[in-house]
Amino acid sequence: IYSVIQFLLYNGILNPFYENTLITILINIMLAVSLHLVIGI
């Protein structure tokens, strides 16, 4: 997954908007997983 997306970003296929969206997704995953430990587990 990292290699494919990095390739797309490096070659300009994914513009900065999509990069920012990907970063936002990753941050939200961290928040969701960390709260999952408190509430879900």
PDB file of all heavy atoms in Angstrom:
ATOM      1  N   ILE A   1       0.835  -1.212   0.000  1.00  0.00           N
ATOM      2  CA  ILE A   1       0.000   0.000   0.000  1.00  0.00           C
ATOM      3  C   ILE A   1       0.862   1.251   0.000  1.00  0.00           C
ATOM      4  O   ILE A   1       0.623   2.192  -0.775  1.00  0.00           O
ATOM      5  CB  ILE A   1      -0.946  -0.009   1.219  1.00  0.00           C
ATOM      6  CG1 ILE A   1      -1.979  -1.123   1.082  1.00  0.00           C
ATOM      7  CG2 ILE A   1      -1.645   1.338   1.367  1.00  0.00           C
ATOM      8  CD1 ILE A   1      -2.847  -1.320   2.307  1.00  0.00           C
ATOM      9  N   TYR A   2       1.891   1.260   0.869  1.00  0.00           N
ATOM     10  CA  TYR A   2       2.774   2.429   0.930  1.00  0.00           C
ATOM     11  C   TYR A   2       3.488   2.638  -0.403  1.00  0.00           C
ATOM     12  O   TYR A   2       3.565   3.769  -0.902  1.00  0.00           O
ATOM     13  CB  TYR A   2       3.796   2.261   2.049  1.00  0.00           C
ATOM     14  CG  TYR A   2       4.854   3.346   2.026  1.00  0.00           C
ATOM     15  CD1 TYR A   2       4.583   4.601   2.530  1.00  0.00           C
ATOM     16  CD2 TYR A   2       6.117   3.107   1.465  1.00  0.00           C
ATOM     17  CE1 TYR A   2       5.534   5.610   2.489  1.00  0.00           C
ATOM     18  CE2 TYR A   2       7.072   4.103   1.424  1.00  0.00           C
ATOM     19  CZ  TYR A   2       6.773   5.355   1.945  1.00  0.00           C
ATOM     20  OH  TYR A   2       7.715   6.346   1.889  1.00  0.00           O
ATOM     21  N   SER A   3       4.011   1.576  -0.988  1.00  0.00           N
ATOM     22  CA  SER A   3       4.774   1.681  -2.236  1.00  0.00           C
ATOM     23  C   SER A   3       3.906   2.214  -3.373  1.00  0.00           C
ATOM     24  O   SER A   3       4.336   3.090  -4.142  1.00  0.00           O
ATOM     25  CB  SER A   3       5.360   0.320  -2.618  1.00  0.00           C
ATOM     26  OG  SER A   3       6.203  -0.169  -1.597  1.00  0.00           O
ATOM     27  N   VAL A   4       2.676   1.707  -3.467  1.00  0.00           N
ATOM     28  CA  VAL A   4       1.784   2.141  -4.546  1.00  0.00           C
ATOM     29  C   VAL A   4       1.439   3.619  -4.401  1.00  0.00           C
ATOM     30  O   VAL A   4       1.536   4.395  -5.368  1.00  0.00           O
ATOM     31  CB  VAL A   4       0.503   1.279  -4.562  1.00  0.00           C
ATOM     32  CG1 VAL A   4      -0.527   1.870  -5.517  1.00  0.00           C
ATOM     33  CG2 VAL A   4       0.833  -0.153  -4.963  1.00  0.00           C
ATOM     34  N   ILE A   5       1.047   4.016  -3.211  1.00  0.00           N
ATOM     35  CA  ILE A   5       0.655   5.415  -3.004  1.00  0.00           C
ATOM     36  C   ILE A   5       1.852   6.345  -3.134  1.00  0.00           C
ATOM     37  O   ILE A   5       1.748   7.436  -3.712  1.00  0.00           O
ATOM     38  CB  ILE A   5      -0.024   5.577  -1.629  1.00  0.00           C
ATOM     39  CG1 ILE A   5      -1.346   4.793  -1.618  1.00  0.00           C
ATOM     40  CG2 ILE A   5      -0.278   7.042  -1.323  1.00  0.00           C
ATOM     41  CD1 ILE A   5      -2.103   4.855  -0.320  1.00  0.00           C
ATOM     42  N   GLN A   6       3.013   5.927  -2.638  1.00  0.00           N
ATOM     43  CA  GLN A   6       4.215   6.740  -2.781  1.00  0.00           C
ATOM     44  C   GLN A   6       4.573   6.926  -4.250  1.00  0.00           C
ATOM     45  O   GLN A   6       4.980   8.015  -4.671  1.00  0.00           O
ATOM     46  CB  GLN A   6       5.377   6.090  -2.024  1.00  0.00           C
ATOM     47  CG  GLN A   6       6.675   6.894  -2.030  1.00  0.00           C
ATOM     48  CD  GLN A   6       6.542   8.212  -1.297  1.00  0.00           C
ATOM     49  OE1 GLN A   6       5.702   8.362  -0.418  1.00  0.00           O
ATOM     50  NE2 GLN A   6       7.368   9.183  -1.666  1.00  0.00           N
ATOM     51  N   PHE A   7       4.416   5.871  -5.028  1.00  0.00           N
ATOM     52  CA  PHE A   7       4.666   5.963  -6.477  1.00  0.00           C
ATOM     53  C   PHE A   7       3.710   6.959  -7.134  1.00  0.00           C
ATOM     54  O   PHE A   7       4.120   7.783  -7.967  1.00  0.00           O
ATOM     55  CB  PHE A   7       4.514   4.579  -7.114  1.00  0.00           C
ATOM     56  CG  PHE A   7       4.621   4.579  -8.614  1.00  0.00           C
ATOM     57  CD1 PHE A   7       5.867   4.617  -9.244  1.00  0.00           C
ATOM     58  CD2 PHE A   7       3.481   4.556  -9.399  1.00  0.00           C
ATOM     59  CE1 PHE A   7       5.965   4.630 -10.625  1.00  0.00           C
ATOM     60  CE2 PHE A   7       3.566   4.556 -10.779  1.00  0.00           C
ATOM     61  CZ  PHE A   7       4.814   4.601 -11.399  1.00  0.00           C
ATOM     62  N   LEU A   8       2.445   6.905  -6.756  1.00  0.00           N
ATOM     63  CA  LEU A   8       1.448   7.811  -7.323  1.00  0.00           C
ATOM     64  C   LEU A   8       1.718   9.261  -6.928  1.00  0.00           C
ATOM     65  O   LEU A   8       1.567  10.183  -7.744  1.00  0.00           O
ATOM     66  CB  LEU A   8       0.047   7.395  -6.881  1.00  0.00           C
ATOM     67  CG  LEU A   8      -0.440   6.023  -7.373  1.00  0.00           C
ATOM     68  CD1 LEU A   8      -1.796   5.692  -6.753  1.00  0.00           C
ATOM     69  CD2 LEU A   8      -0.519   5.983  -8.891  1.00  0.00           C
ATOM     70  N   LEU A   9       2.143   9.467  -5.682  1.00  0.00           N
ATOM     71  CA  LEU A   9       2.456  10.824  -5.227  1.00  0.00           C
ATOM     72  C   LEU A   9       3.719  11.355  -5.897  1.00  0.00           C
ATOM     73  O   LEU A   9       3.782  12.520  -6.308  1.00  0.00           O
ATOM     74  CB  LEU A   9       2.625  10.837  -3.703  1.00  0.00           C
ATOM     75  CG  LEU A   9       1.366  10.610  -2.861  1.00  0.00           C
ATOM     76  CD1 LEU A   9       1.728  10.451  -1.385  1.00  0.00           C
ATOM     77  CD2 LEU A   9       0.379  11.757  -3.039  1.00  0.00           C
ATOM     78  N   TYR A  10       4.733  10.515  -5.990  1.00  0.00           N
ATOM     79  CA  TYR A  10       6.018  10.932  -6.558  1.00  0.00           C
ATOM     80  C   TYR A  10       5.878  11.330  -8.028  1.00  0.00           C
ATOM     81  O   TYR A  10       6.526  12.258  -8.494  1.00  0.00           O
ATOM     82  CB  TYR A  10       7.034   9.806  -6.402  1.00  0.00           C
ATOM     83  CG  TYR A  10       8.419  10.150  -6.912  1.00  0.00           C
ATOM     84  CD1 TYR A  10       9.280  10.936  -6.148  1.00  0.00           C
ATOM     85  CD2 TYR A  10       8.848   9.680  -8.146  1.00  0.00           C
ATOM     86  CE1 TYR A  10      10.545  11.254  -6.610  1.00  0.00           C
ATOM     87  CE2 TYR A  10      10.113   9.999  -8.619  1.00  0.00           C
ATOM     88  CZ  TYR A  10      10.957  10.784  -7.846  1.00  0.00           C
ATOM     89  OH  TYR A  10      12.215  11.104  -8.318  1.00  0.00           O
ATOM     90  N   ASN A  11       5.011  10.633  -8.745  1.00  0.00           N
ATOM     91  CA  ASN A  11       4.841  10.911 -10.173  1.00  0.00           C
ATOM     92  C   ASN A  11       3.729  11.923 -10.457  1.00  0.00           C
ATOM     93  O   ASN A  11       3.396  12.167 -11.618  1.00  0.00           O
ATOM     94  CB  ASN A  11       4.543   9.609 -10.926  1.00  0.00           C
ATOM     95  CG  ASN A  11       5.751   8.692 -10.999  1.00  0.00           C
ATOM     96  OD1 ASN A  11       6.626   8.857 -11.849  1.00  0.00           O
ATOM     97  ND2 ASN A  11       5.823   7.727 -10.088  1.00  0.00           N
ATOM     98  N   GLY A  12       3.178  12.515  -9.412  1.00  0.00           N
ATOM     99  CA  GLY A  12       2.187  13.567  -9.603  1.00  0.00           C
ATOM    100  C   GLY A  12       0.808  13.082 -10.001  1.00  0.00           C
ATOM    101  O   GLY A  12      -0.054  13.900 -10.358  1.00  0.00           O
ATOM    102  N   ILE A  13       0.592  11.774  -9.965  1.00  0.00           N
ATOM    103  CA  ILE A  13      -0.731  11.249 -10.314  1.00  0.00           C
ATOM    104  C   ILE A  13      -1.749  11.645  -9.240  1.00  0.00           C
ATOM    105  O   ILE A  13      -2.907  11.940  -9.541  1.00  0.00           O
ATOM    106  CB  ILE A  13      -0.677   9.716 -10.480  1.00  0.00           C
ATOM    107  CG1 ILE A  13       0.316   9.359 -11.595  1.00  0.00           C
ATOM    108  CG2 ILE A  13      -2.052   9.148 -10.783  1.00  0.00           C
ATOM    109  CD1 ILE A  13       0.564   7.875 -11.749  1.00  0.00           C
ATOM    110  N   LEU A  14      -1.311  11.639  -7.978  1.00  0.00           N
ATOM    111  CA  LEU A  14      -2.128  12.149  -6.885  1.00  0.00           C
ATOM    112  C   LEU A  14      -1.621  13.541  -6.513  1.00  0.00           C
ATOM    113  O   LEU A  14      -0.451  13.708  -6.167  1.00  0.00           O
ATOM    114  CB  LEU A  14      -2.048  11.223  -5.671  1.00  0.00           C
ATOM    115  CG  LEU A  14      -2.650   9.818  -5.831  1.00  0.00           C
ATOM    116  CD1 LEU A  14      -2.472   9.013  -4.549  1.00  0.00           C
ATOM    117  CD2 LEU A  14      -4.123   9.897  -6.195  1.00  0.00           C
ATOM    118  N   ASN A  15      -2.482  14.543  -6.603  1.00  0.00           N
ATOM    119  CA  ASN A  15      -2.081  15.919  -6.311  1.00  0.00           C
ATOM    120  C   ASN A  15      -2.072  16.178  -4.802  1.00  0.00           C
ATOM    121  O   ASN A  15      -2.479  15.321  -4.012  1.00  0.00           O
ATOM    122  CB  ASN A  15      -3.008  16.898  -7.040  1.00  0.00           C
ATOM    123  CG  ASN A  15      -4.467  16.725  -6.632  1.00  0.00           C
ATOM    124  OD1 ASN A  15      -4.773  16.462  -5.476  1.00  0.00           O
ATOM    125  ND2 ASN A  15      -5.377  16.868  -7.597  1.00  0.00           N
ATOM    126  N   PRO A  16      -1.614  17.369  -4.363  1.00  0.00           N
ATOM    127  CA  PRO A  16      -1.539  17.672  -2.928  1.00  0.00           C
ATOM    128  C   PRO A  16      -2.864  17.542  -2.187  1.00  0.00           C
ATOM    129  O   PRO A  16      -2.870  17.240  -0.986  1.00  0.00           O
ATOM    130  CB  PRO A  16      -1.035  19.118  -2.916  1.00  0.00           C
ATOM    131  CG  PRO A  16      -0.226  19.244  -4.163  1.00  0.00           C
ATOM    132  CD  PRO A  16      -0.938  18.397  -5.171  1.00  0.00           C
ATOM    133  N   PHE A  17      -3.976  17.767  -2.874  1.00  0.00           N
ATOM    134  CA  PHE A  17      -5.280  17.603  -2.213  1.00  0.00           C
ATOM    135  C   PHE A  17      -5.467  16.166  -1.749  1.00  0.00           C
ATOM    136  O   PHE A  17      -5.904  15.907  -0.622  1.00  0.00           O
ATOM    137  CB  PHE A  17      -6.405  18.002  -3.177  1.00  0.00           C
ATOM    138  CG  PHE A  17      -7.775  17.637  -2.676  1.00  0.00           C
ATOM    139  CD1 PHE A  17      -8.396  18.402  -1.700  1.00  0.00           C
ATOM    140  CD2 PHE A  17      -8.433  16.504  -3.164  1.00  0.00           C
ATOM    141  CE1 PHE A  17      -9.669  18.052  -1.232  1.00  0.00           C
ATOM    142  CE2 PHE A  17      -9.691  16.152  -2.694  1.00  0.00           C
ATOM    143  CZ  PHE A  17     -10.309  16.936  -1.726  1.00  0.00           C
ATOM    144  N   TYR A  18      -5.145  15.214  -2.607  1.00  0.00           N
ATOM    145  CA  TYR A  18      -5.301  13.812  -2.248  1.00  0.00           C
ATOM    146  C   TYR A  18      -4.279  13.391  -1.193  1.00  0.00           C
ATOM    147  O   TYR A  18      -4.570  12.546  -0.335  1.00  0.00           O
ATOM    148  CB  TYR A  18      -5.171  12.932  -3.488  1.00  0.00           C
ATOM    149  CG  TYR A  18      -6.338  13.072  -4.434  1.00  0.00           C
ATOM    150  CD1 TYR A  18      -6.226  13.797  -5.610  1.00  0.00           C
ATOM    151  CD2 TYR A  18      -7.567  12.485  -4.138  1.00  0.00           C
ATOM    152  CE1 TYR A  18      -7.300  13.933  -6.480  1.00  0.00           C
ATOM    153  CE2 TYR A  18      -8.648  12.610  -4.995  1.00  0.00           C
ATOM    154  CZ  TYR A  18      -8.512  13.341  -6.161  1.00  0.00           C
ATOM    155  OH  TYR A  18      -9.586  13.478  -6.999  1.00  0.00           O
ATOM    156  N   GLU A  19      -3.087  13.974  -1.248  1.00  0.00           N
ATOM    157  CA  GLU A  19      -2.095  13.680  -0.208  1.00  0.00           C
ATOM    158  C   GLU A  19      -2.594  14.160   1.151  1.00  0.00           C
ATOM    159  O   GLU A  19      -2.473  13.456   2.157  1.00  0.00           O
ATOM    160  CB  GLU A  19      -0.754  14.330  -0.537  1.00  0.00           C
ATOM    161  CG  GLU A  19       0.318  14.033   0.504  1.00  0.00           C
ATOM    162  CD  GLU A  19       1.642  14.719   0.204  1.00  0.00           C
ATOM    163  OE1 GLU A  19       1.679  15.557  -0.722  1.00  0.00           O
ATOM    164  OE2 GLU A  19       2.634  14.413   0.895  1.00  0.00           O
ATOM    165  N   ASN A  20      -3.159  15.367   1.173  1.00  0.00           N
ATOM    166  CA  ASN A  20      -3.691  15.887   2.429  1.00  0.00           C
ATOM    167  C   ASN A  20      -4.849  15.034   2.936  1.00  0.00           C
ATOM    168  O   ASN A  20      -4.980  14.790   4.142  1.00  0.00           O
ATOM    169  CB  ASN A  20      -4.162  17.331   2.222  1.00  0.00           C
ATOM    170  CG  ASN A  20      -4.643  17.967   3.511  1.00  0.00           C
ATOM    171  OD1 ASN A  20      -3.871  18.247   4.421  1.00  0.00           O
ATOM    172  ND2 ASN A  20      -5.953  18.192   3.594  1.00  0.00           N
ATOM    173  N   THR A  21      -5.681  14.538   2.014  1.00  0.00           N
ATOM    174  CA  THR A  21      -6.784  13.652   2.397  1.00  0.00           C
ATOM    175  C   THR A  21      -6.259  12.349   2.985  1.00  0.00           C
ATOM    176  O   THR A  21      -6.772  11.841   3.989  1.00  0.00           O
ATOM    177  CB  THR A  21      -7.678  13.350   1.184  1.00  0.00           C
ATOM    178  OG1 THR A  21      -8.184  14.580   0.646  1.00  0.00           O
ATOM    179  CG2 THR A  21      -8.850  12.461   1.582  1.00  0.00           C
ATOM    180  N   LEU A  22      -5.208  11.795   2.374  1.00  0.00           N
ATOM    181  CA  LEU A  22      -4.609  10.567   2.883  1.00  0.00           C
ATOM    182  C   LEU A  22      -4.036  10.766   4.284  1.00  0.00           C
ATOM    183  O   LEU A  22      -4.192   9.912   5.161  1.00  0.00           O
ATOM    184  CB  LEU A  22      -3.513  10.086   1.927  1.00  0.00           C
ATOM    185  CG  LEU A  22      -3.979   9.514   0.587  1.00  0.00           C
ATOM    186  CD1 LEU A  22      -2.785   9.326  -0.351  1.00  0.00           C
ATOM    187  CD2 LEU A  22      -4.708   8.189   0.794  1.00  0.00           C
ATOM    188  N   ILE A  23      -3.373  11.893   4.488  1.00  0.00           N
ATOM    189  CA  ILE A  23      -2.800  12.178   5.810  1.00  0.00           C
ATOM    190  C   ILE A  23      -3.909  12.327   6.850  1.00  0.00           C
ATOM    191  O   ILE A  23      -3.803  11.825   7.976  1.00  0.00           O
ATOM    192  CB  ILE A  23      -1.926  13.445   5.751  1.00  0.00           C
ATOM    193  CG1 ILE A  23      -0.686  13.188   4.893  1.00  0.00           C
ATOM    194  CG2 ILE A  23      -1.515  13.882   7.155  1.00  0.00           C
ATOM    195  CD1 ILE A  23       0.150  14.431   4.626  1.00  0.00           C
ATOM    196  N   THR A  24      -4.995  13.006   6.473  1.00  0.00           N
ATOM    197  CA  THR A  24      -6.134  13.156   7.383  1.00  0.00           C
ATOM    198  C   THR A  24      -6.734  11.802   7.738  1.00  0.00           C
ATOM    199  O   THR A  24      -7.094  11.550   8.889  1.00  0.00           O
ATOM    200  CB  THR A  24      -7.208  14.053   6.744  1.00  0.00           C
ATOM    201  OG1 THR A  24      -6.641  15.320   6.403  1.00  0.00           O
ATOM    202  CG2 THR A  24      -8.370  14.272   7.704  1.00  0.00           C
ATOM    203  N   ILE A  25      -6.826  10.913   6.753  1.00  0.00           N
ATOM    204  CA  ILE A  25      -7.330   9.554   7.008  1.00  0.00           C
ATOM    205  C   ILE A  25      -6.435   8.834   8.012  1.00  0.00           C
ATOM    206  O   ILE A  25      -6.921   8.191   8.957  1.00  0.00           O
ATOM    207  CB  ILE A  25      -7.418   8.762   5.688  1.00  0.00           C
ATOM    208  CG1 ILE A  25      -8.562   9.289   4.823  1.00  0.00           C
ATOM    209  CG2 ILE A  25      -7.614   7.269   5.957  1.00  0.00           C
ATOM    210  CD1 ILE A  25      -8.611   8.679   3.437  1.00  0.00           C
ATOM    211  N   LEU A  26      -5.114   8.930   7.826  1.00  0.00           N
ATOM    212  CA  LEU A  26      -4.182   8.249   8.728  1.00  0.00           C
ATOM    213  C   LEU A  26      -4.271   8.802  10.143  1.00  0.00           C
ATOM    214  O   LEU A  26      -4.235   8.039  11.124  1.00  0.00           O
ATOM    215  CB  LEU A  26      -2.758   8.395   8.192  1.00  0.00           C
ATOM    216  CG  LEU A  26      -2.466   7.663   6.873  1.00  0.00           C
ATOM    217  CD1 LEU A  26      -1.069   8.012   6.369  1.00  0.00           C
ATOM    218  CD2 LEU A  26      -2.614   6.156   7.034  1.00  0.00           C
ATOM    219  N   ILE A  27      -4.399  10.117  10.273  1.00  0.00           N
ATOM    220  CA  ILE A  27      -4.539  10.724  11.604  1.00  0.00           C
ATOM    221  C   ILE A  27      -5.823  10.241  12.271  1.00  0.00           C
ATOM    222  O   ILE A  27      -5.832   9.900  13.464  1.00  0.00           O
ATOM    223  CB  ILE A  27      -4.521  12.268  11.501  1.00  0.00           C
ATOM    224  CG1 ILE A  27      -3.134  12.752  11.066  1.00  0.00           C
ATOM    225  CG2 ILE A  27      -4.911  12.906  12.828  1.00  0.00           C
ATOM    226  CD1 ILE A  27      -3.063  14.224  10.738  1.00  0.00           C
ATOM    227  N   ASN A  28      -6.908  10.194  11.514  1.00  0.00           N
ATOM    228  CA  ASN A  28      -8.173   9.729  12.069  1.00  0.00           C
ATOM    229  C   ASN A  28      -8.120   8.245  12.435  1.00  0.00           C
ATOM    230  O   ASN A  28      -8.764   7.816  13.401  1.00  0.00           O
ATOM    231  CB  ASN A  28      -9.312   9.986  11.076  1.00  0.00           C
ATOM    232  CG  ASN A  28      -9.707  11.449  11.020  1.00  0.00           C
ATOM    233  OD1 ASN A  28      -9.449  12.200  11.952  1.00  0.00           O
ATOM    234  ND2 ASN A  28     -10.316  11.858   9.926  1.00  0.00           N
ATOM    235  N   ILE A  29      -7.364   7.460  11.677  1.00  0.00           N
ATOM    236  CA  ILE A  29      -7.193   6.046  12.031  1.00  0.00           C
ATOM    237  C   ILE A  29      -6.473   5.934  13.374  1.00  0.00           C
ATOM    238  O   ILE A  29      -6.855   5.126  14.238  1.00  0.00           O
ATOM    239  CB  ILE A  29      -6.406   5.302  10.931  1.00  0.00           C
ATOM    240  CG1 ILE A  29      -7.276   5.120   9.685  1.00  0.00           C
ATOM    241  CG2 ILE A  29      -5.926   3.933  11.431  1.00  0.00           C
ATOM    242  CD1 ILE A  29      -6.536   4.521   8.510  1.00  0.00           C
ATOM    243  N   MET A  30      -5.430   6.736  13.573  1.00  0.00           N
ATOM    244  CA  MET A  30      -4.716   6.721  14.851  1.00  0.00           C
ATOM    245  C   MET A  30      -5.648   7.088  15.999  1.00  0.00           C
ATOM    246  O   MET A  30      -5.626   6.452  17.067  1.00  0.00           O
ATOM    247  CB  MET A  30      -3.533   7.686  14.800  1.00  0.00           C
ATOM    248  CG  MET A  30      -2.404   7.260  13.883  1.00  0.00           C
ATOM    249  SD  MET A  30      -1.017   8.416  13.911  1.00  0.00           S
ATOM    250  CE  MET A  30      -0.459   8.232  15.608  1.00  0.00           C
ATOM    251  N   LEU A  31      -6.462   8.109  15.800  1.00  0.00           N
ATOM    252  CA  LEU A  31      -7.396   8.532  16.848  1.00  0.00           C
ATOM    253  C   LEU A  31      -8.437   7.453  17.122  1.00  0.00           C
ATOM    254  O   LEU A  31      -8.762   7.166  18.283  1.00  0.00           O
ATOM    255  CB  LEU A  31      -8.080   9.836  16.435  1.00  0.00           C
ATOM    256  CG  LEU A  31      -7.179  11.071  16.367  1.00  0.00           C
ATOM    257  CD1 LEU A  31      -7.917  12.242  15.721  1.00  0.00           C
ATOM    258  CD2 LEU A  31      -6.687  11.461  17.753  1.00  0.00           C
ATOM    259  N   ALA A  32      -8.949   6.843  16.050  1.00  0.00           N
ATOM    260  CA  ALA A  32      -9.969   5.806  16.211  1.00  0.00           C
ATOM    261  C   ALA A  32      -9.411   4.583  16.927  1.00  0.00           C
ATOM    262  O   ALA A  32     -10.046   4.029  17.837  1.00  0.00           O
ATOM    263  CB  ALA A  32     -10.534   5.419  14.841  1.00  0.00           C
ATOM    264  N   VAL A  33      -8.211   4.146  16.538  1.00  0.00           N
ATOM    265  CA  VAL A  33      -7.612   2.950  17.133  1.00  0.00           C
ATOM    266  C   VAL A  33      -7.248   3.198  18.595  1.00  0.00           C
ATOM    267  O   VAL A  33      -7.426   2.318  19.452  1.00  0.00           O
ATOM    268  CB  VAL A  33      -6.380   2.512  16.314  1.00  0.00           C
ATOM    269  CG1 VAL A  33      -5.603   1.414  17.033  1.00  0.00           C
ATOM    270  CG2 VAL A  33      -6.805   2.024  14.933  1.00  0.00           C
ATOM    271  N   SER A  34      -6.745   4.386  18.897  1.00  0.00           N
ATOM    272  CA  SER A  34      -6.369   4.690  20.280  1.00  0.00           C
ATOM    273  C   SER A  34      -7.604   4.772  21.183  1.00  0.00           C
ATOM    274  O   SER A  34      -7.569   4.319  22.335  1.00  0.00           O
ATOM    275  CB  SER A  34      -5.573   5.996  20.344  1.00  0.00           C
ATOM    276  OG  SER A  34      -6.321   7.087  19.827  1.00  0.00           O
ATOM    277  N   LEU A  35      -8.710   5.332  20.668  1.00  0.00           N
ATOM    278  CA  LEU A  35      -9.939   5.364  21.468  1.00  0.00           C
ATOM    279  C   LEU A  35     -10.588   3.989  21.529  1.00  0.00           C
ATOM    280  O   LEU A  35     -11.244   3.644  22.523  1.00  0.00           O
ATOM    281  CB  LEU A  35     -10.920   6.382  20.887  1.00  0.00           C
ATOM    282  CG  LEU A  35     -12.195   6.625  21.703  1.00  0.00           C
ATOM    283  CD1 LEU A  35     -11.855   7.144  23.097  1.00  0.00           C
ATOM    284  CD2 LEU A  35     -13.125   7.608  20.991  1.00  0.00           C
ATOM    285  N   HIS A  36     -10.395   3.192  20.493  1.00  0.00           N
ATOM    286  CA  HIS A  36     -10.893   1.807  20.485  1.00  0.00           C
ATOM    287  C   HIS A  36     -10.326   1.023  21.668  1.00  0.00           C
ATOM    288  O   HIS A  36     -11.024   0.198  22.267  1.00  0.00           O
ATOM    289  CB  HIS A  36     -10.506   1.150  19.160  1.00  0.00           C
ATOM    290  CG  HIS A  36     -10.318  -0.328  19.234  1.00  0.00           C
ATOM    291  ND1 HIS A  36     -11.370  -1.229  19.232  1.00  0.00           N
ATOM    292  CD2 HIS A  36      -9.188  -1.091  19.321  1.00  0.00           C
ATOM    293  CE1 HIS A  36     -10.900  -2.458  19.309  1.00  0.00           C
ATOM    294  NE2 HIS A  36      -9.588  -2.408  19.367  1.00  0.00           N
ATOM    295  N   LEU A  37      -9.083   1.276  22.023  1.00  0.00           N
ATOM    296  CA  LEU A  37      -8.477   0.585  23.158  1.00  0.00           C
ATOM    297  C   LEU A  37      -9.199   0.933  24.455  1.00  0.00           C
ATOM    298  O   LEU A  37      -9.388   0.074  25.319  1.00  0.00           O
ATOM    299  CB  LEU A  37      -6.995   0.960  23.262  1.00  0.00           C
ATOM    300  CG  LEU A  37      -6.221   0.373  24.442  1.00  0.00           C
ATOM    301  CD1 LEU A  37      -6.214  -1.147  24.370  1.00  0.00           C
ATOM    302  CD2 LEU A  37      -4.795   0.917  24.470  1.00  0.00           C
ATOM    303  N   VAL A  38      -9.613   2.179  24.583  1.00  0.00           N
ATOM    304  CA  VAL A  38     -10.268   2.631  25.820  1.00  0.00           C
ATOM    305  C   VAL A  38     -11.721   2.164  25.878  1.00  0.00           C
ATOM    306  O   VAL A  38     -12.178   1.614  26.881  1.00  0.00           O
ATOM    307  CB  VAL A  38     -10.193   4.169  25.932  1.00  0.00           C
ATOM    308  CG1 VAL A  38     -10.926   4.651  27.182  1.00  0.00           C
ATOM    309  CG2 VAL A  38      -8.744   4.634  25.958  1.00  0.00           C
ATOM    310  N   ILE A  39     -12.453   2.367  24.779  1.00  0.00           N
ATOM    311  CA  ILE A  39     -13.883   2.060  24.779  1.00  0.00           C
ATOM    312  C   ILE A  39     -14.153   0.623  24.348  1.00  0.00           C
ATOM    313  O   ILE A  39     -14.862  -0.116  25.019  1.00  0.00           O
ATOM    314  CB  ILE A  39     -14.636   3.048  23.849  1.00  0.00           C
ATOM    315  CG1 ILE A  39     -14.512   4.474  24.371  1.00  0.00           C
ATOM    316  CG2 ILE A  39     -16.106   2.653  23.747  1.00  0.00           C
ATOM    317  CD1 ILE A  39     -15.222   5.502  23.520  1.00  0.00           C
ATOM    318  N   GLY A  40     -13.591   0.237  23.208  1.00  0.00           N
ATOM    319  CA  GLY A  40     -13.903  -1.073  22.648  1.00  0.00           C
ATOM    320  C   GLY A  40     -13.293  -2.235  23.394  1.00  0.00           C
ATOM    321  O   GLY A  40     -13.901  -3.300  23.508  1.00  0.00           O
ATOM    322  N   ILE A  41     -12.076  -2.063  23.921  1.00  0.00           N
ATOM    323  CA  ILE A  41     -11.386  -3.160  24.609  1.00  0.00           C
ATOM    324  C   ILE A  41     -11.614  -3.115  26.112  1.00  0.00           C
ATOM    325  O   ILE A  41     -11.944  -4.125  26.734  1.00  0.00           O
ATOM    326  CB  ILE A  41      -9.872  -3.124  24.301  1.00  0.00           C
ATOM    327  CG1 ILE A  41      -9.632  -3.286  22.800  1.00  0.00           C
ATOM    328  CG2 ILE A  41      -9.138  -4.205  25.082  1.00  0.00           C
ATOM    329  CD1 ILE A  41     -10.166  -4.586  22.216  1.00  0.00           C
TER     330      ILE A  41
END
